Amino acid sequence: MTAPVLLVLGAGPGVGLSVARLFARDGFAAVLACRFDTEAEPLAEQLRGEGFDASGVGVDLGDPTDVGRAVAGVGDRRGRIDVLHFNPSIFRQADPLQLSMPELIEDFTVGAAALLPAVQAARPYLSEGARVLVTGSAAADKPWHQAASLGVQKAAVRNLVTSLDTTLAPAGIRAVAVQINGVLGEGTFTRDRVAEALHAATTRPASAWTPHVSYDG
Protein backbone atom coordinates (compact mmCIF):
# COMPACT_ATOMS: atom_id res chain seq x y z
CA MET A 1 0.00 0.00 0.00
CA THR A 2 1.27 3.48 -0.84
CA ALA A 3 1.12 6.27 1.72
CA PRO A 4 -2.07 8.33 1.84
CA VAL A 5 -1.84 11.63 -0.02
CA LEU A 6 -2.76 15.16 1.02
CA LEU A 7 -3.04 17.78 -1.73
CA VAL A 8 -3.19 21.40 -0.55
CA LEU A 9 -4.48 23.85 -3.16
CA GLY A 10 -3.60 27.45 -2.37
CA ALA A 11 -0.76 26.43 -0.07
CA GLY A 12 1.28 29.06 1.68
CA PRO A 13 3.73 29.42 4.57
CA GLY A 14 0.89 29.85 7.08
CA VAL A 15 -2.11 27.60 7.54
CA GLY A 16 -1.51 25.53 4.40
CA LEU A 17 1.97 24.49 5.46
CA SER A 18 0.86 23.85 9.04
CA VAL A 19 -1.98 21.60 7.88
CA ALA A 20 0.43 19.72 5.62
CA ARG A 21 2.79 19.19 8.54
CA LEU A 22 0.03 17.71 10.71
CA PHE A 23 -1.02 15.26 8.02
CA ALA A 24 2.62 14.42 7.28
CA ARG A 25 2.99 13.44 10.93
CA ASP A 26 0.08 11.07 10.35
CA GLY A 27 2.05 9.38 7.57
CA PHE A 28 0.63 11.28 4.60
CA ALA A 29 2.67 12.33 1.59
CA ALA A 30 2.04 16.07 1.23
CA VAL A 31 1.70 17.87 -2.10
CA LEU A 32 1.64 21.65 -1.85
CA ALA A 33 0.21 23.58 -4.79
CA CYS A 34 0.94 27.28 -5.26
CA ARG A 35 0.62 29.62 -8.21
CA PHE A 36 4.16 28.78 -9.33
CA ASP A 37 6.49 25.83 -8.82
CA THR A 38 9.06 28.26 -7.47
CA GLU A 39 6.68 29.15 -4.64
CA ALA A 40 5.63 25.58 -3.88
CA GLU A 41 9.03 23.89 -3.80
CA PRO A 42 10.46 25.89 -0.86
CA LEU A 43 7.41 24.92 1.21
CA ALA A 44 7.86 21.26 0.30
CA GLU A 45 11.56 21.54 1.09
CA GLN A 46 10.74 22.64 4.64
CA LEU A 47 8.75 19.45 5.17
CA ARG A 48 11.39 17.29 3.53
CA GLY A 49 13.93 18.86 5.86
CA GLU A 50 11.81 17.57 8.74
CA GLY A 51 11.92 14.06 7.31
CA PHE A 52 8.54 14.03 5.56
CA ASP A 53 7.55 13.02 2.04
CA ALA A 54 6.58 16.29 0.33
CA SER A 55 6.55 17.84 -3.11
CA GLY A 56 5.42 21.08 -4.71
CA VAL A 57 3.43 21.84 -7.84
CA GLY A 58 2.37 24.98 -9.66
CA VAL A 59 -1.27 25.62 -10.57
CA ASP A 60 -3.30 28.56 -11.83
CA LEU A 61 -6.51 28.36 -9.80
CA GLY A 62 -8.09 30.90 -12.11
CA ASP A 63 -7.86 28.43 -15.01
CA PRO A 64 -10.11 25.35 -14.65
CA THR A 65 -8.10 23.45 -17.26
CA ASP A 66 -4.91 24.00 -15.32
CA VAL A 67 -6.61 23.02 -12.07
CA GLY A 68 -7.70 19.75 -13.64
CA ARG A 69 -4.22 19.15 -15.05
CA ALA A 70 -2.50 19.72 -11.73
CA VAL A 71 -4.90 17.66 -9.63
CA ALA A 72 -5.04 14.75 -12.06
CA GLY A 73 -1.27 14.88 -12.33
CA VAL A 74 -0.93 14.38 -8.60
CA GLY A 75 -3.42 11.51 -8.74
CA ASP A 76 -1.57 9.88 -11.61
CA ARG A 77 1.84 10.17 -9.94
CA ARG A 78 0.71 9.11 -6.47
CA GLY A 79 -2.10 6.75 -7.44
CA ARG A 80 -4.50 8.26 -4.91
CA ILE A 81 -5.70 11.43 -3.21
CA ASP A 82 -6.98 10.99 0.32
CA VAL A 83 -7.43 14.57 1.52
CA LEU A 84 -7.97 17.48 -0.86
CA HIS A 85 -7.51 20.73 1.06
CA PHE A 86 -8.89 23.80 -0.70
CA ASN A 87 -7.24 26.76 1.01
CA PRO A 88 -7.19 29.78 -1.36
CA SER A 89 -8.87 33.15 -0.96
CA ILE A 90 -8.35 36.50 -2.59
CA PHE A 91 -8.22 39.61 -0.45
CA ARG A 92 -8.96 42.70 -2.48
CA GLN A 93 -9.60 45.92 -0.57
CA ALA A 94 -12.55 47.36 -2.46
CA ASP A 95 -16.05 48.17 -1.26
CA PRO A 96 -19.15 47.40 -3.36
CA LEU A 97 -19.02 50.81 -5.03
CA GLN A 98 -15.39 50.32 -6.04
CA LEU A 99 -15.40 46.61 -6.88
CA SER A 100 -15.91 45.90 -10.57
CA MET A 101 -17.80 42.90 -11.87
CA PRO A 102 -14.68 41.45 -13.58
CA GLU A 103 -12.77 41.80 -10.29
CA LEU A 104 -15.54 40.04 -8.37
CA ILE A 105 -15.64 37.22 -10.90
CA GLU A 106 -11.84 36.90 -10.85
CA ASP A 107 -11.75 36.65 -7.05
CA PHE A 108 -14.76 34.31 -6.90
CA THR A 109 -13.17 32.02 -9.48
CA VAL A 110 -10.04 31.45 -7.40
CA GLY A 111 -11.60 31.53 -3.94
CA ALA A 112 -14.68 29.40 -4.61
CA ALA A 113 -15.37 28.18 -8.14
CA ALA A 114 -11.97 26.49 -8.52
CA LEU A 115 -13.13 23.90 -6.01
CA LEU A 116 -15.39 22.40 -8.71
CA PRO A 117 -12.71 21.40 -11.26
CA ALA A 118 -10.45 20.37 -8.38
CA VAL A 119 -12.92 17.86 -6.98
CA GLN A 120 -14.01 16.71 -10.42
CA ALA A 121 -10.40 15.95 -11.38
CA ALA A 122 -9.69 14.35 -8.01
CA ARG A 123 -12.77 12.12 -8.00
CA PRO A 124 -11.19 9.13 -9.81
CA TYR A 125 -8.48 9.08 -7.13
CA LEU A 126 -10.79 9.50 -4.13
CA SER A 127 -11.87 6.27 -2.47
CA GLU A 128 -14.01 5.48 0.54
CA GLY A 129 -12.74 7.43 3.51
CA ALA A 130 -11.31 10.28 1.45
CA ARG A 131 -12.07 13.83 2.52
CA VAL A 132 -12.44 17.28 0.95
CA LEU A 133 -11.42 20.03 3.36
CA VAL A 134 -12.15 23.73 2.80
CA THR A 135 -10.80 26.64 4.82
CA GLY A 136 -13.75 28.89 5.60
CA SER A 137 -14.05 32.29 7.21
CA ALA A 138 -16.37 34.40 9.34
CA ALA A 139 -16.53 36.67 6.29
CA ALA A 140 -19.19 34.29 4.96
CA ASP A 141 -21.59 35.64 7.59
CA LYS A 142 -20.04 38.97 8.54
CA PRO A 143 -18.33 40.41 5.47
CA TRP A 144 -16.17 43.48 5.81
CA HIS A 145 -17.54 45.97 3.31
CA GLN A 146 -14.02 47.13 2.42
CA ALA A 147 -13.24 43.64 1.10
CA ALA A 148 -16.59 42.78 -0.41
CA SER A 149 -15.38 39.99 -2.69
CA LEU A 150 -13.97 37.95 0.19
CA GLY A 151 -17.38 37.51 1.79
CA VAL A 152 -18.81 36.37 -1.52
CA GLN A 153 -16.02 33.80 -1.91
CA LYS A 154 -16.46 32.36 1.57
CA ALA A 155 -20.25 32.26 1.51
CA ALA A 156 -20.22 30.57 -1.89
CA VAL A 157 -17.58 27.97 -1.09
CA ARG A 158 -19.36 27.02 2.14
CA ASN A 159 -22.59 26.52 0.21
CA LEU A 160 -20.77 24.45 -2.39
CA VAL A 161 -19.33 22.19 0.30
CA THR A 162 -22.86 21.29 1.40
CA SER A 163 -23.69 20.07 -2.11
CA LEU A 164 -20.36 18.28 -2.47
CA ASP A 165 -20.77 16.44 0.81
CA THR A 166 -24.26 15.24 -0.11
CA THR A 167 -23.10 14.15 -3.56
CA LEU A 168 -20.00 12.30 -2.37
CA ALA A 169 -21.39 10.75 0.81
CA PRO A 170 -22.88 7.61 -0.86
CA ALA A 171 -19.33 6.66 -1.89
CA GLY A 172 -18.05 7.13 1.66
CA ILE A 173 -16.30 10.40 0.74
CA ARG A 174 -17.11 13.48 2.81
CA ALA A 175 -16.55 17.22 2.52
CA VAL A 176 -16.27 19.83 5.25
CA ALA A 177 -15.85 23.59 5.45
CA VAL A 178 -14.24 24.81 8.65
CA GLN A 179 -15.29 28.37 9.40
CA ILE A 180 -12.54 30.32 11.17
CA ASN A 181 -14.37 32.85 13.33
CA GLY A 182 -11.44 35.11 14.08
CA VAL A 183 -8.51 36.98 12.60
CA LEU A 184 -5.58 34.77 11.70
CA GLY A 185 -2.58 35.54 13.89
CA GLU A 186 -4.55 37.14 16.70
CA GLY A 187 -5.04 35.49 20.12
CA THR A 188 -5.82 31.80 19.77
CA PHE A 189 -6.09 32.08 15.99
CA THR A 190 -2.45 31.25 15.33
CA ARG A 191 -1.75 29.33 12.15
CA ASP A 192 -0.94 26.21 14.17
CA ARG A 193 -4.15 26.36 16.23
CA VAL A 194 -6.22 26.93 13.10
CA ALA A 195 -4.42 24.05 11.38
CA GLU A 196 -5.22 21.80 14.33
CA ALA A 197 -8.92 22.68 13.98
CA LEU A 198 -8.84 21.89 10.26
CA HIS A 199 -7.05 18.60 10.90
CA ALA A 200 -9.47 17.62 13.66
CA ALA A 201 -12.51 18.34 11.49
CA THR A 202 -11.13 16.17 8.71
CA THR A 203 -10.16 13.20 10.86
CA ARG A 204 -13.50 12.86 12.69
CA PRO A 205 -15.26 9.51 12.39
CA ALA A 206 -17.92 9.30 9.71
CA SER A 207 -20.56 8.70 12.37
CA ALA A 208 -19.93 12.22 13.73
CA TRP A 209 -19.72 13.94 10.35
CA THR A 210 -21.18 17.34 9.56
CA PRO A 211 -20.31 19.39 6.47
CA HIS A 212 -19.74 22.55 8.50
CA VAL A 213 -17.57 23.10 11.55
CA SER A 214 -16.84 26.38 13.35
CA TYR A 215 -13.57 27.21 15.05
CA ASP A 216 -14.10 29.93 17.62
CA GLY A 217 -10.70 29.83 19.25
C-alpha atoms as a PDB file:
ATOM      1  CA  MET A   1       0.000   0.000   0.000  1.00  0.00           C
ATOM      2  CA  THR A   2       1.271   3.476  -0.844  1.00  0.00           C
ATOM      3  CA  ALA A   3       1.122   6.265   1.717  1.00  0.00           C
ATOM      4  CA  PRO A   4      -2.069   8.328   1.837  1.00  0.00           C
ATOM      5  CA  VAL A   5      -1.836  11.633  -0.023  1.00  0.00           C
ATOM      6  CA  LEU A   6      -2.757  15.164   1.023  1.00  0.00           C
ATOM      7  CA  LEU A   7      -3.045  17.781  -1.726  1.00  0.00           C
ATOM      8  CA  VAL A   8      -3.192  21.404  -0.555  1.00  0.00           C
ATOM      9  CA  LEU A   9      -4.480  23.852  -3.159  1.00  0.00           C
ATOM     10  CA  GLY A  10      -3.604  27.445  -2.365  1.00  0.00           C
ATOM     11  CA  ALA A  11      -0.759  26.428  -0.074  1.00  0.00           C
ATOM     12  CA  GLY A  12       1.283  29.059   1.685  1.00  0.00           C
ATOM     13  CA  PRO A  13       3.732  29.420   4.572  1.00  0.00           C
ATOM     14  CA  GLY A  14       0.891  29.855   7.080  1.00  0.00           C
ATOM     15  CA  VAL A  15      -2.113  27.603   7.539  1.00  0.00           C
ATOM     16  CA  GLY A  16      -1.514  25.527   4.401  1.00  0.00           C
ATOM     17  CA  LEU A  17       1.974  24.492   5.464  1.00  0.00           C
ATOM     18  CA  SER A  18       0.861  23.852   9.045  1.00  0.00           C
ATOM     19  CA  VAL A  19      -1.981  21.600   7.878  1.00  0.00           C
ATOM     20  CA  ALA A  20       0.426  19.719   5.615  1.00  0.00           C
ATOM     21  CA  ARG A  21       2.795  19.193   8.544  1.00  0.00           C
ATOM     22  CA  LEU A  22       0.030  17.711  10.709  1.00  0.00           C
ATOM     23  CA  PHE A  23      -1.018  15.259   8.024  1.00  0.00           C
ATOM     24  CA  ALA A  24       2.621  14.418   7.279  1.00  0.00           C
ATOM     25  CA  ARG A  25       2.993  13.445  10.933  1.00  0.00           C
ATOM     26  CA  ASP A  26       0.081  11.069  10.353  1.00  0.00           C
ATOM     27  CA  GLY A  27       2.052   9.382   7.574  1.00  0.00           C
ATOM     28  CA  PHE A  28       0.634  11.284   4.597  1.00  0.00           C
ATOM     29  CA  ALA A  29       2.670  12.333   1.591  1.00  0.00           C
ATOM     30  CA  ALA A  30       2.042  16.066   1.230  1.00  0.00           C
ATOM     31  CA  VAL A  31       1.698  17.866  -2.100  1.00  0.00           C
ATOM     32  CA  LEU A  32       1.641  21.649  -1.846  1.00  0.00           C
ATOM     33  CA  ALA A  33       0.207  23.579  -4.786  1.00  0.00           C
ATOM     34  CA  CYS A  34       0.938  27.276  -5.256  1.00  0.00           C
ATOM     35  CA  ARG A  35       0.616  29.623  -8.210  1.00  0.00           C
ATOM     36  CA  PHE A  36       4.156  28.778  -9.328  1.00  0.00           C
ATOM     37  CA  ASP A  37       6.490  25.826  -8.818  1.00  0.00           C
ATOM     38  CA  THR A  38       9.057  28.257  -7.475  1.00  0.00           C
ATOM     39  CA  GLU A  39       6.678  29.149  -4.639  1.00  0.00           C
ATOM     40  CA  ALA A  40       5.628  25.582  -3.882  1.00  0.00           C
ATOM     41  CA  GLU A  41       9.031  23.892  -3.799  1.00  0.00           C
ATOM     42  CA  PRO A  42      10.457  25.891  -0.858  1.00  0.00           C
ATOM     43  CA  LEU A  43       7.413  24.921   1.215  1.00  0.00           C
ATOM     44  CA  ALA A  44       7.860  21.264   0.304  1.00  0.00           C
ATOM     45  CA  GLU A  45      11.559  21.543   1.093  1.00  0.00           C
ATOM     46  CA  GLN A  46      10.735  22.643   4.640  1.00  0.00           C
ATOM     47  CA  LEU A  47       8.751  19.453   5.172  1.00  0.00           C
ATOM     48  CA  ARG A  48      11.392  17.293   3.526  1.00  0.00           C
ATOM     49  CA  GLY A  49      13.927  18.862   5.862  1.00  0.00           C
ATOM     50  CA  GLU A  50      11.811  17.572   8.745  1.00  0.00           C
ATOM     51  CA  GLY A  51      11.917  14.062   7.311  1.00  0.00           C
ATOM     52  CA  PHE A  52       8.539  14.029   5.560  1.00  0.00           C
ATOM     53  CA  ASP A  53       7.547  13.024   2.040  1.00  0.00           C
ATOM     54  CA  ALA A  54       6.579  16.285   0.334  1.00  0.00           C
ATOM     55  CA  SER A  55       6.554  17.842  -3.108  1.00  0.00           C
ATOM     56  CA  GLY A  56       5.423  21.076  -4.714  1.00  0.00           C
ATOM     57  CA  VAL A  57       3.429  21.840  -7.839  1.00  0.00           C
ATOM     58  CA  GLY A  58       2.369  24.976  -9.662  1.00  0.00           C
ATOM     59  CA  VAL A  59      -1.268  25.617 -10.568  1.00  0.00           C
ATOM     60  CA  ASP A  60      -3.299  28.561 -11.826  1.00  0.00           C
ATOM     61  CA  LEU A  61      -6.507  28.361  -9.798  1.00  0.00           C
ATOM     62  CA  GLY A  62      -8.094  30.901 -12.112  1.00  0.00           C
ATOM     63  CA  ASP A  63      -7.864  28.431 -15.009  1.00  0.00           C
ATOM     64  CA  PRO A  64     -10.107  25.347 -14.650  1.00  0.00           C
ATOM     65  CA  THR A  65      -8.103  23.446 -17.256  1.00  0.00           C
ATOM     66  CA  ASP A  66      -4.907  23.998 -15.322  1.00  0.00           C
ATOM     67  CA  VAL A  67      -6.614  23.022 -12.067  1.00  0.00           C
ATOM     68  CA  GLY A  68      -7.702  19.754 -13.642  1.00  0.00           C
ATOM     69  CA  ARG A  69      -4.224  19.153 -15.048  1.00  0.00           C
ATOM     70  CA  ALA A  70      -2.500  19.717 -11.732  1.00  0.00           C
ATOM     71  CA  VAL A  71      -4.905  17.664  -9.629  1.00  0.00           C
ATOM     72  CA  ALA A  72      -5.043  14.752 -12.055  1.00  0.00           C
ATOM     73  CA  GLY A  73      -1.268  14.884 -12.331  1.00  0.00           C
ATOM     74  CA  VAL A  74      -0.934  14.375  -8.596  1.00  0.00           C
ATOM     75  CA  GLY A  75      -3.416  11.512  -8.744  1.00  0.00           C
ATOM     76  CA  ASP A  76      -1.569   9.882 -11.615  1.00  0.00           C
ATOM     77  CA  ARG A  77       1.838  10.168  -9.937  1.00  0.00           C
ATOM     78  CA  ARG A  78       0.715   9.115  -6.475  1.00  0.00           C
ATOM     79  CA  GLY A  79      -2.098   6.750  -7.438  1.00  0.00           C
ATOM     80  CA  ARG A  80      -4.501   8.258  -4.914  1.00  0.00           C
ATOM     81  CA  ILE A  81      -5.701  11.432  -3.209  1.00  0.00           C
ATOM     82  CA  ASP A  82      -6.982  10.988   0.324  1.00  0.00           C
ATOM     83  CA  VAL A  83      -7.428  14.574   1.516  1.00  0.00           C
ATOM     84  CA  LEU A  84      -7.969  17.481  -0.860  1.00  0.00           C
ATOM     85  CA  HIS A  85      -7.509  20.727   1.059  1.00  0.00           C
ATOM     86  CA  PHE A  86      -8.892  23.800  -0.696  1.00  0.00           C
ATOM     87  CA  ASN A  87      -7.238  26.762   1.007  1.00  0.00           C
ATOM     88  CA  PRO A  88      -7.194  29.783  -1.365  1.00  0.00           C
ATOM     89  CA  SER A  89      -8.866  33.145  -0.960  1.00  0.00           C
ATOM     90  CA  ILE A  90      -8.349  36.500  -2.595  1.00  0.00           C
ATOM     91  CA  PHE A  91      -8.218  39.611  -0.454  1.00  0.00           C
ATOM     92  CA  ARG A  92      -8.957  42.699  -2.480  1.00  0.00           C
ATOM     93  CA  GLN A  93      -9.603  45.918  -0.574  1.00  0.00           C
ATOM     94  CA  ALA A  94     -12.551  47.363  -2.460  1.00  0.00           C
ATOM     95  CA  ASP A  95     -16.051  48.166  -1.257  1.00  0.00           C
ATOM     96  CA  PRO A  96     -19.149  47.404  -3.364  1.00  0.00           C
ATOM     97  CA  LEU A  97     -19.018  50.814  -5.028  1.00  0.00           C
ATOM     98  CA  GLN A  98     -15.390  50.315  -6.040  1.00  0.00           C
ATOM     99  CA  LEU A  99     -15.398  46.611  -6.881  1.00  0.00           C
ATOM    100  CA  SER A 100     -15.914  45.903 -10.566  1.00  0.00           C
ATOM    101  CA  MET A 101     -17.796  42.900 -11.870  1.00  0.00           C
ATOM    102  CA  PRO A 102     -14.675  41.447 -13.579  1.00  0.00           C
ATOM    103  CA  GLU A 103     -12.771  41.798 -10.292  1.00  0.00           C
ATOM    104  CA  LEU A 104     -15.541  40.042  -8.367  1.00  0.00           C
ATOM    105  CA  ILE A 105     -15.638  37.217 -10.897  1.00  0.00           C
ATOM    106  CA  GLU A 106     -11.839  36.896 -10.852  1.00  0.00           C
ATOM    107  CA  ASP A 107     -11.755  36.647  -7.052  1.00  0.00           C
ATOM    108  CA  PHE A 108     -14.757  34.312  -6.902  1.00  0.00           C
ATOM    109  CA  THR A 109     -13.166  32.017  -9.481  1.00  0.00           C
ATOM    110  CA  VAL A 110     -10.044  31.454  -7.403  1.00  0.00           C
ATOM    111  CA  GLY A 111     -11.600  31.531  -3.942  1.00  0.00           C
ATOM    112  CA  ALA A 112     -14.685  29.401  -4.607  1.00  0.00           C
ATOM    113  CA  ALA A 113     -15.368  28.183  -8.144  1.00  0.00           C
ATOM    114  CA  ALA A 114     -11.967  26.488  -8.522  1.00  0.00           C
ATOM    115  CA  LEU A 115     -13.133  23.899  -6.014  1.00  0.00           C
ATOM    116  CA  LEU A 116     -15.388  22.404  -8.713  1.00  0.00           C
ATOM    117  CA  PRO A 117     -12.711  21.399 -11.260  1.00  0.00           C
ATOM    118  CA  ALA A 118     -10.452  20.373  -8.381  1.00  0.00           C
ATOM    119  CA  VAL A 119     -12.921  17.859  -6.975  1.00  0.00           C
ATOM    120  CA  GLN A 120     -14.008  16.715 -10.424  1.00  0.00           C
ATOM    121  CA  ALA A 121     -10.399  15.952 -11.380  1.00  0.00           C
ATOM    122  CA  ALA A 122      -9.687  14.346  -8.007  1.00  0.00           C
ATOM    123  CA  ARG A 123     -12.769  12.123  -7.999  1.00  0.00           C
ATOM    124  CA  PRO A 124     -11.186   9.129  -9.808  1.00  0.00           C
ATOM    125  CA  TYR A 125      -8.477   9.083  -7.133  1.00  0.00           C
ATOM    126  CA  LEU A 126     -10.786   9.503  -4.126  1.00  0.00           C
ATOM    127  CA  SER A 127     -11.866   6.266  -2.474  1.00  0.00           C
ATOM    128  CA  GLU A 128     -14.007   5.482   0.540  1.00  0.00           C
ATOM    129  CA  GLY A 129     -12.740   7.432   3.513  1.00  0.00           C
ATOM    130  CA  ALA A 130     -11.307  10.280   1.448  1.00  0.00           C
ATOM    131  CA  ARG A 131     -12.065  13.825   2.518  1.00  0.00           C
ATOM    132  CA  VAL A 132     -12.445  17.276   0.949  1.00  0.00           C
ATOM    133  CA  LEU A 133     -11.425  20.030   3.362  1.00  0.00           C
ATOM    134  CA  VAL A 134     -12.151  23.729   2.797  1.00  0.00           C
ATOM    135  CA  THR A 135     -10.801  26.645   4.823  1.00  0.00           C
ATOM    136  CA  GLY A 136     -13.749  28.888   5.604  1.00  0.00           C
ATOM    137  CA  SER A 137     -14.050  32.285   7.213  1.00  0.00           C
ATOM    138  CA  ALA A 138     -16.374  34.398   9.340  1.00  0.00           C
ATOM    139  CA  ALA A 139     -16.534  36.674   6.291  1.00  0.00           C
ATOM    140  CA  ALA A 140     -19.189  34.289   4.960  1.00  0.00           C
ATOM    141  CA  ASP A 141     -21.594  35.641   7.589  1.00  0.00           C
ATOM    142  CA  LYS A 142     -20.041  38.974   8.539  1.00  0.00           C
ATOM    143  CA  PRO A 143     -18.328  40.408   5.469  1.00  0.00           C
ATOM    144  CA  TRP A 144     -16.166  43.477   5.815  1.00  0.00           C
ATOM    145  CA  HIS A 145     -17.544  45.974   3.315  1.00  0.00           C
ATOM    146  CA  GLN A 146     -14.021  47.126   2.419  1.00  0.00           C
ATOM    147  CA  ALA A 147     -13.236  43.636   1.098  1.00  0.00           C
ATOM    148  CA  ALA A 148     -16.593  42.775  -0.414  1.00  0.00           C
ATOM    149  CA  SER A 149     -15.377  39.991  -2.694  1.00  0.00           C
ATOM    150  CA  LEU A 150     -13.967  37.948   0.192  1.00  0.00           C
ATOM    151  CA  GLY A 151     -17.376  37.511   1.788  1.00  0.00           C
ATOM    152  CA  VAL A 152     -18.807  36.371  -1.520  1.00  0.00           C
ATOM    153  CA  GLN A 153     -16.023  33.802  -1.906  1.00  0.00           C
ATOM    154  CA  LYS A 154     -16.455  32.364   1.571  1.00  0.00           C
ATOM    155  CA  ALA A 155     -20.249  32.255   1.509  1.00  0.00           C
ATOM    156  CA  ALA A 156     -20.220  30.571  -1.886  1.00  0.00           C
ATOM    157  CA  VAL A 157     -17.583  27.973  -1.093  1.00  0.00           C
ATOM    158  CA  ARG A 158     -19.355  27.023   2.143  1.00  0.00           C
ATOM    159  CA  ASN A 159     -22.587  26.522   0.214  1.00  0.00           C
ATOM    160  CA  LEU A 160     -20.768  24.452  -2.391  1.00  0.00           C
ATOM    161  CA  VAL A 161     -19.330  22.189   0.295  1.00  0.00           C
ATOM    162  CA  THR A 162     -22.860  21.291   1.399  1.00  0.00           C
ATOM    163  CA  SER A 163     -23.691  20.069  -2.105  1.00  0.00           C
ATOM    164  CA  LEU A 164     -20.358  18.276  -2.469  1.00  0.00           C
ATOM    165  CA  ASP A 165     -20.770  16.437   0.807  1.00  0.00           C
ATOM    166  CA  THR A 166     -24.262  15.240  -0.108  1.00  0.00           C
ATOM    167  CA  THR A 167     -23.098  14.155  -3.558  1.00  0.00           C
ATOM    168  CA  LEU A 168     -20.000  12.304  -2.367  1.00  0.00           C
ATOM    169  CA  ALA A 169     -21.392  10.745   0.808  1.00  0.00           C
ATOM    170  CA  PRO A 170     -22.877   7.614  -0.859  1.00  0.00           C
ATOM    171  CA  ALA A 171     -19.330   6.664  -1.887  1.00  0.00           C
ATOM    172  CA  GLY A 172     -18.046   7.133   1.663  1.00  0.00           C
ATOM    173  CA  ILE A 173     -16.298  10.403   0.739  1.00  0.00           C
ATOM    174  CA  ARG A 174     -17.107  13.475   2.814  1.00  0.00           C
ATOM    175  CA  ALA A 175     -16.553  17.222   2.517  1.00  0.00           C
ATOM    176  CA  VAL A 176     -16.269  19.830   5.249  1.00  0.00           C
ATOM    177  CA  ALA A 177     -15.853  23.591   5.446  1.00  0.00           C
ATOM    178  CA  VAL A 178     -14.238  24.809   8.655  1.00  0.00           C
ATOM    179  CA  GLN A 179     -15.285  28.373   9.404  1.00  0.00           C
ATOM    180  CA  ILE A 180     -12.542  30.320  11.170  1.00  0.00           C
ATOM    181  CA  ASN A 181     -14.367  32.849  13.330  1.00  0.00           C
ATOM    182  CA  GLY A 182     -11.438  35.114  14.076  1.00  0.00           C
ATOM    183  CA  VAL A 183      -8.513  36.980  12.598  1.00  0.00           C
ATOM    184  CA  LEU A 184      -5.579  34.770  11.699  1.00  0.00           C
ATOM    185  CA  GLY A 185      -2.584  35.539  13.886  1.00  0.00           C
ATOM    186  CA  GLU A 186      -4.545  37.138  16.702  1.00  0.00           C
ATOM    187  CA  GLY A 187      -5.043  35.492  20.121  1.00  0.00           C
ATOM    188  CA  THR A 188      -5.822  31.802  19.766  1.00  0.00           C
ATOM    189  CA  PHE A 189      -6.087  32.079  15.990  1.00  0.00           C
ATOM    190  CA  THR A 190      -2.448  31.248  15.328  1.00  0.00           C
ATOM    191  CA  ARG A 191      -1.745  29.333  12.147  1.00  0.00           C
ATOM    192  CA  ASP A 192      -0.944  26.210  14.166  1.00  0.00           C
ATOM    193  CA  ARG A 193      -4.147  26.359  16.227  1.00  0.00           C
ATOM    194  CA  VAL A 194      -6.223  26.929  13.098  1.00  0.00           C
ATOM    195  CA  ALA A 195      -4.420  24.049  11.378  1.00  0.00           C
ATOM    196  CA  GLU A 196      -5.222  21.802  14.331  1.00  0.00           C
ATOM    197  CA  ALA A 197      -8.915  22.680  13.977  1.00  0.00           C
ATOM    198  CA  LEU A 198      -8.836  21.887  10.261  1.00  0.00           C
ATOM    199  CA  HIS A 199      -7.050  18.603  10.895  1.00  0.00           C
ATOM    200  CA  ALA A 200      -9.472  17.619  13.659  1.00  0.00           C
ATOM    201  CA  ALA A 201     -12.511  18.343  11.490  1.00  0.00           C
ATOM    202  CA  THR A 202     -11.130  16.170   8.710  1.00  0.00           C
ATOM    203  CA  THR A 203     -10.160  13.197  10.860  1.00  0.00           C
ATOM    204  CA  ARG A 204     -13.504  12.865  12.691  1.00  0.00           C
ATOM    205  CA  PRO A 205     -15.260   9.511  12.394  1.00  0.00           C
ATOM    206  CA  ALA A 206     -17.920   9.305   9.707  1.00  0.00           C
ATOM    207  CA  SER A 207     -20.560   8.703  12.373  1.00  0.00           C
ATOM    208  CA  ALA A 208     -19.928  12.218  13.727  1.00  0.00           C
ATOM    209  CA  TRP A 209     -19.715  13.943  10.347  1.00  0.00           C
ATOM    210  CA  THR A 210     -21.184  17.335   9.560  1.00  0.00           C
ATOM    211  CA  PRO A 211     -20.312  19.394   6.466  1.00  0.00           C
ATOM    212  CA  HIS A 212     -19.745  22.550   8.501  1.00  0.00           C
ATOM    213  CA  VAL A 213     -17.566  23.100  11.552  1.00  0.00           C
ATOM    214  CA  SER A 214     -16.839  26.381  13.346  1.00  0.00           C
ATOM    215  CA  TYR A 215     -13.571  27.210  15.048  1.00  0.00           C
ATOM    216  CA  ASP A 216     -14.100  29.935  17.619  1.00  0.00           C
ATOM    217  CA  GLY A 217     -10.696  29.830  19.252  1.00  0.00           C
END
